Amino acid sequence: MTKKLTIPVVLAFLVAISLHSCRSEDLLNSSEELPPTKFRVFTAQGKETINYAKGFKTLLEHYDEINNVQHTAKALRKALKNSSEMANEYVELNIHSQDFTTKGNEKFTLFPLIKNGKVDGIIIARLKENDTQVEFLKMYTEAENYNKILELFKEAYLKKHITSKNCS
C-alpha cells in the first residue's frame, strides 16, 4: 500500500515543481520585456552636442578592455607595455569623418583601419536600434566613394604622424 501512495505523491511533487518553474519562466519573460537602455556616451549633458566619434571611441576601448582584444591603439600600447602578442591592425579612433545620420535616424562615423602602419581600410561605426546598439563594420571596397574616402584618411594619417614626429 505504501508503494501505491508513493507514486501519486511523487507525481504531485513533479507537477508542483513544473508549475513553479513555468511561473518562474513567466516572471523572467516579463522582466525581459523592458525596453533596452540607450548608451550614456550618446546622451547630451545639458546644452552640449553629442560627440558621436568620441562615444564610439569610448565604447570600442571599453570593449577591448573587457574582452582583452586589440581593436584600438590604446589596447596595442597596453599590449606593448606588457610584452604581449600584438595585433597587426587597429581602428585609428583619433582620425574620423563627420557624423552622418541616415533616413532611419541611425548615426554613423567613419574611421581608418590601420594595418602594418598604413591606412588599409575604412571602418563604419554605427549606432542603431533607437540608440541601443553599436556595431563596427569594415566598408566594402566596392562602396561609392570608397577610394576617395580612403585617400583622405591616408592624407590625414600621414599628416598626423608627420606632425607628431616633429613635436617629439
Protein backbone atom coordinates (compact mmCIF):
# COMPACT_ATOMS: atom_id res chain seq x y z
CA MET A 1 0.00 0.00 0.00
CA THR A 2 2.90 2.37 0.65
CA LYS A 3 4.03 1.82 -2.93
CA LYS A 4 0.63 2.97 -4.23
CA LEU A 5 0.81 6.15 -2.12
CA THR A 6 4.41 6.92 -3.09
CA ILE A 7 3.68 7.12 -6.83
CA PRO A 8 0.88 9.75 -6.51
CA VAL A 9 2.98 11.75 -4.04
CA VAL A 10 5.96 11.74 -6.40
CA LEU A 11 3.71 12.69 -9.33
CA ALA A 12 2.14 15.53 -7.34
CA PHE A 13 5.60 16.74 -6.37
CA LEU A 14 6.76 16.72 -10.01
CA VAL A 15 3.63 18.61 -11.11
CA ALA A 16 4.22 21.23 -8.41
CA ILE A 17 7.85 21.68 -9.47
CA SER A 18 6.92 22.04 -13.14
CA LEU A 19 4.21 24.60 -12.32
CA HIS A 20 6.69 26.57 -10.23
CA SER A 21 9.29 26.51 -13.00
CA CYS A 22 6.69 27.69 -15.55
CA ARG A 23 5.74 30.54 -13.24
CA SER A 24 9.43 31.46 -12.79
CA GLU A 25 9.86 31.45 -16.56
CA ASP A 26 6.85 33.78 -16.90
CA LEU A 27 8.45 36.16 -14.40
CA LEU A 28 11.73 36.07 -16.31
CA ASN A 29 9.98 36.75 -19.61
CA SER A 30 8.09 39.72 -18.20
CA SER A 31 11.31 41.31 -16.94
CA GLU A 32 12.95 40.79 -20.35
CA GLU A 33 10.28 42.94 -21.97
CA LEU A 34 11.75 46.14 -20.55
CA PRO A 35 12.97 48.46 -23.29
CA PRO A 36 16.74 48.44 -23.85
CA THR A 37 18.61 51.42 -22.47
CA LYS A 38 20.50 53.91 -24.58
CA PHE A 39 24.25 54.36 -24.33
CA ARG A 40 25.20 57.12 -21.92
CA VAL A 41 28.04 58.29 -24.21
CA PHE A 42 25.41 59.19 -26.81
CA THR A 43 23.25 61.25 -24.46
CA ALA A 44 23.72 65.02 -24.35
CA GLN A 45 24.54 66.50 -20.96
CA GLY A 46 22.89 69.90 -20.65
CA LYS A 47 23.21 72.03 -23.77
CA GLU A 48 26.26 70.27 -25.23
CA THR A 49 26.02 68.45 -28.52
CA ILE A 50 26.70 64.74 -28.72
CA ASN A 51 30.19 63.83 -29.95
CA TYR A 52 29.49 60.51 -31.70
CA ALA A 53 33.12 59.89 -32.67
CA LYS A 54 34.15 60.23 -29.02
CA GLY A 55 31.31 57.92 -27.97
CA PHE A 56 32.32 55.24 -30.49
CA LYS A 57 35.94 55.57 -29.30
CA THR A 58 34.93 55.14 -25.66
CA LEU A 59 32.82 52.07 -26.39
CA LEU A 60 35.43 50.32 -28.54
CA GLU A 61 38.18 50.99 -25.96
CA HIS A 62 35.93 49.54 -23.23
CA TYR A 63 35.20 46.54 -25.44
CA ASP A 64 38.95 45.95 -25.84
CA GLU A 65 39.48 46.14 -22.06
CA ILE A 66 36.60 43.81 -21.22
CA ASN A 67 37.40 41.20 -23.88
CA ASN A 68 41.20 41.55 -23.76
CA VAL A 69 41.41 42.18 -27.52
CA GLN A 70 43.19 44.85 -29.58
CA HIS A 71 40.94 46.86 -31.87
CA THR A 72 42.31 50.24 -30.71
CA ALA A 73 45.68 51.96 -30.42
CA LYS A 74 45.15 52.15 -26.64
CA ALA A 75 44.93 48.35 -26.45
CA LEU A 76 48.03 47.97 -28.64
CA ARG A 77 50.02 50.30 -26.36
CA LYS A 78 48.91 48.24 -23.37
CA ALA A 79 50.00 45.02 -25.11
CA LEU A 80 53.37 46.57 -25.99
CA LYS A 81 53.86 47.69 -22.39
CA ASN A 82 53.03 44.19 -21.13
CA SER A 83 55.15 42.50 -23.82
CA SER A 84 52.07 40.70 -25.09
CA GLU A 85 51.49 39.48 -28.61
CA MET A 86 50.12 42.37 -30.66
CA ALA A 87 47.57 42.55 -33.45
CA ASN A 88 48.79 43.91 -36.78
CA GLU A 89 45.74 46.13 -37.36
CA TYR A 90 43.58 48.52 -35.35
CA VAL A 91 41.00 51.25 -35.73
CA GLU A 92 42.54 54.75 -35.53
CA LEU A 93 39.90 56.47 -33.43
CA ASN A 94 41.66 59.84 -33.32
CA ILE A 95 41.02 60.37 -37.05
CA HIS A 96 37.41 60.27 -38.18
CA SER A 97 34.84 61.60 -40.59
CA GLN A 98 31.99 63.87 -39.72
CA ASP A 99 28.94 62.24 -38.16
CA PHE A 100 26.18 61.12 -40.52
CA THR A 101 22.51 60.39 -39.89
CA THR A 102 20.50 58.05 -42.10
CA LYS A 103 16.83 58.47 -43.03
CA GLY A 104 16.13 55.80 -40.39
CA ASN A 105 17.78 58.05 -37.76
CA GLU A 106 20.81 55.79 -37.38
CA LYS A 107 24.10 57.61 -36.72
CA PHE A 108 27.45 56.62 -38.14
CA THR A 109 31.03 57.82 -38.30
CA LEU A 110 33.90 56.55 -40.44
CA PHE A 111 37.37 55.70 -39.09
CA PRO A 112 40.52 54.48 -40.85
CA LEU A 113 41.67 50.91 -40.35
CA ILE A 114 45.45 50.82 -39.85
CA LYS A 115 47.32 47.67 -40.85
CA ASN A 116 51.09 47.38 -40.57
CA GLY A 117 51.40 51.14 -40.06
CA LYS A 118 49.34 52.16 -43.12
CA VAL A 119 45.71 53.02 -43.80
CA ASP A 120 44.32 49.79 -45.19
CA GLY A 121 40.55 50.19 -44.98
CA ILE A 122 37.59 52.06 -43.62
CA ILE A 123 35.57 51.14 -40.55
CA ILE A 124 31.95 52.22 -40.18
CA ALA A 125 30.87 52.77 -36.56
CA ARG A 126 27.07 52.66 -36.50
CA LEU A 127 24.59 53.49 -33.74
CA LYS A 128 21.27 51.80 -34.44
CA GLU A 129 18.07 50.37 -32.96
CA ASN A 130 16.97 53.65 -31.37
CA ASP A 131 20.48 54.31 -29.99
CA THR A 132 20.66 50.98 -28.13
CA GLN A 133 23.09 49.00 -30.35
CA VAL A 134 26.51 49.78 -31.79
CA GLU A 135 28.35 47.90 -34.49
CA PHE A 136 31.68 48.33 -36.24
CA LEU A 137 31.81 47.14 -39.85
CA LYS A 138 34.51 47.15 -42.49
CA MET A 139 33.36 49.14 -45.52
CA TYR A 140 33.24 47.24 -48.79
CA THR A 141 35.82 48.38 -51.31
CA GLU A 142 33.05 48.49 -53.92
CA ALA A 143 31.16 51.17 -51.95
CA GLU A 144 30.57 54.51 -53.63
CA ASN A 145 33.44 56.98 -52.99
CA TYR A 146 35.45 54.30 -51.15
CA ASN A 147 38.74 55.19 -52.85
CA LYS A 148 38.23 58.92 -52.35
CA ILE A 149 37.48 58.46 -48.64
CA LEU A 150 40.44 56.09 -48.27
CA GLU A 151 42.79 58.66 -49.84
CA LEU A 152 41.51 61.37 -47.46
CA PHE A 153 42.16 59.08 -44.49
CA LYS A 154 45.65 58.28 -45.81
CA GLU A 155 46.44 62.00 -46.04
CA ALA A 156 45.07 62.69 -42.55
CA TYR A 157 47.00 59.75 -41.07
CA LEU A 158 50.24 60.82 -42.74
CA LYS A 159 49.77 64.41 -41.63
CA LYS A 160 49.04 63.31 -38.05
CA HIS A 161 52.17 61.17 -37.88
CA ILE A 162 54.45 63.75 -39.50
CA THR A 163 53.18 66.38 -37.05
CA SER A 164 53.56 64.07 -34.04
CA LYS A 165 57.13 63.11 -35.06
CA ASN A 166 58.10 66.77 -35.45
CA CYS A 167 56.71 67.55 -32.00
CA SER A 168 58.66 64.68 -30.36
